[in-house]
Amino acid sequence: MFKKIKNVMVYRKQFLSLLVGVPSYEIYMEHMHSHHPDESIKSRKEFFCEAQEARYNAKGGKVSRCC
């Protein structure tokens, strides 16, 4: 029962993160370990700041969103 609830919470977190456009740090780490083992991994803060910069500053400071 607890495992099922835990799985639901994990998927809920992933869904909400994708919904608001925040990439997953855990997925980034898995990718770096499997595809780029010799490169250094950014800290969670560095990763988040870079993701925010890419999302909100991608068009020369103009916010690109639907609303």
C-alpha atoms as a PDB file:
ATOM      1  CA  MET A   1       0.000   0.000   0.000  1.00  0.00           C
ATOM      2  CA  PHE A   2       2.746   2.458   0.942  1.00  0.00           C
ATOM      3  CA  LYS A   3       4.730   1.575  -2.170  1.00  0.00           C
ATOM      4  CA  LYS A   4       1.707   2.376  -4.320  1.00  0.00           C
ATOM      5  CA  ILE A   5       1.239   5.744  -2.605  1.00  0.00           C
ATOM      6  CA  LYS A   6       4.939   6.507  -2.978  1.00  0.00           C
ATOM      7  CA  ASN A   7       4.784   5.743  -6.717  1.00  0.00           C
ATOM      8  CA  VAL A   8       1.755   8.002  -7.128  1.00  0.00           C
ATOM      9  CA  MET A   9       3.589  10.830  -5.353  1.00  0.00           C
ATOM     10  CA  VAL A  10       6.680  10.387  -7.559  1.00  0.00           C
ATOM     11  CA  TYR A  11       4.594  10.530 -10.734  1.00  0.00           C
ATOM     12  CA  ARG A  12       2.662  13.507  -9.365  1.00  0.00           C
ATOM     13  CA  LYS A  13       5.905  15.402  -8.775  1.00  0.00           C
ATOM     14  CA  GLN A  14       7.163  14.575 -12.277  1.00  0.00           C
ATOM     15  CA  PHE A  15       3.862  15.644 -13.829  1.00  0.00           C
ATOM     16  CA  LEU A  16       3.755  18.960 -12.000  1.00  0.00           C
ATOM     17  CA  SER A  17       7.390  19.682 -12.821  1.00  0.00           C
ATOM     18  CA  LEU A  18       6.795  19.065 -16.506  1.00  0.00           C
ATOM     19  CA  LEU A  19       3.582  21.071 -16.387  1.00  0.00           C
ATOM     20  CA  VAL A  20       5.365  24.212 -15.179  1.00  0.00           C
ATOM     21  CA  GLY A  21       8.490  23.565 -17.239  1.00  0.00           C
ATOM     22  CA  VAL A  22      10.998  22.676 -14.542  1.00  0.00           C
ATOM     23  CA  PRO A  23      13.316  19.890 -15.697  1.00  0.00           C
ATOM     24  CA  SER A  24      14.189  17.071 -13.319  1.00  0.00           C
ATOM     25  CA  TYR A  25      17.582  17.243 -11.634  1.00  0.00           C
ATOM     26  CA  GLU A  26      17.490  13.500 -10.962  1.00  0.00           C
ATOM     27  CA  ILE A  27      16.981  12.721 -14.654  1.00  0.00           C
ATOM     28  CA  TYR A  28      19.803  15.128 -15.506  1.00  0.00           C
ATOM     29  CA  MET A  29      22.107  13.309 -13.073  1.00  0.00           C
ATOM     30  CA  GLU A  30      21.196   9.897 -14.503  1.00  0.00           C
ATOM     31  CA  HIS A  31      21.858  11.173 -18.019  1.00  0.00           C
ATOM     32  CA  MET A  32      25.225  12.646 -17.064  1.00  0.00           C
ATOM     33  CA  HIS A  33      26.332   9.448 -15.297  1.00  0.00           C
ATOM     34  CA  SER A  34      25.342   7.212 -18.194  1.00  0.00           C
ATOM     35  CA  HIS A  35      26.299   9.375 -21.194  1.00  0.00           C
ATOM     36  CA  HIS A  36      28.996  11.755 -19.901  1.00  0.00           C
ATOM     37  CA  PRO A  37      30.753  10.020 -16.995  1.00  0.00           C
ATOM     38  CA  ASP A  38      33.960  12.051 -17.394  1.00  0.00           C
ATOM     39  CA  GLU A  39      32.221  15.456 -17.156  1.00  0.00           C
ATOM     40  CA  SER A  40      31.439  17.210 -13.892  1.00  0.00           C
ATOM     41  CA  ILE A  41      27.837  17.395 -12.730  1.00  0.00           C
ATOM     42  CA  LYS A  42      26.309  20.760 -11.861  1.00  0.00           C
ATOM     43  CA  SER A  43      24.933  21.343  -8.407  1.00  0.00           C
ATOM     44  CA  ARG A  44      21.153  21.415  -8.010  1.00  0.00           C
ATOM     45  CA  LYS A  45      21.298  25.209  -7.685  1.00  0.00           C
ATOM     46  CA  GLU A  46      23.411  25.621 -10.839  1.00  0.00           C
ATOM     47  CA  PHE A  47      21.088  23.288 -12.751  1.00  0.00           C
ATOM     48  CA  PHE A  48      17.977  25.152 -11.613  1.00  0.00           C
ATOM     49  CA  CYS A  49      19.464  28.593 -12.390  1.00  0.00           C
ATOM     50  CA  GLU A  50      20.480  27.465 -15.873  1.00  0.00           C
ATOM     51  CA  ALA A  51      17.019  26.010 -16.512  1.00  0.00           C
ATOM     52  CA  GLN A  52      15.363  29.253 -15.401  1.00  0.00           C
ATOM     53  CA  GLU A  53      17.702  31.306 -17.570  1.00  0.00           C
ATOM     54  CA  ALA A  54      16.958  29.129 -20.590  1.00  0.00           C
ATOM     55  CA  ARG A  55      13.221  29.300 -19.987  1.00  0.00           C
ATOM     56  CA  TYR A  56      12.763  32.999 -19.261  1.00  0.00           C
ATOM     57  CA  ASN A  57      15.687  34.666 -21.025  1.00  0.00           C
ATOM     58  CA  ALA A  58      15.750  32.602 -24.205  1.00  0.00           C
ATOM     59  CA  LYS A  59      14.429  35.408 -26.409  1.00  0.00           C
ATOM     60  CA  GLY A  60      16.600  38.305 -25.325  1.00  0.00           C
ATOM     61  CA  GLY A  61      14.810  38.869 -22.044  1.00  0.00           C
ATOM     62  CA  LYS A  62      11.315  38.601 -23.494  1.00  0.00           C
ATOM     63  CA  VAL A  63       9.154  36.164 -21.599  1.00  0.00           C
ATOM     64  CA  SER A  64       7.958  33.428 -23.924  1.00  0.00           C
ATOM     65  CA  ARG A  65       4.809  31.861 -22.613  1.00  0.00           C
ATOM     66  CA  CYS A  66       1.255  31.261 -23.683  1.00  0.00           C
ATOM     67  CA  CYS A  67      -0.443  33.667 -21.247  1.00  0.00           C
END
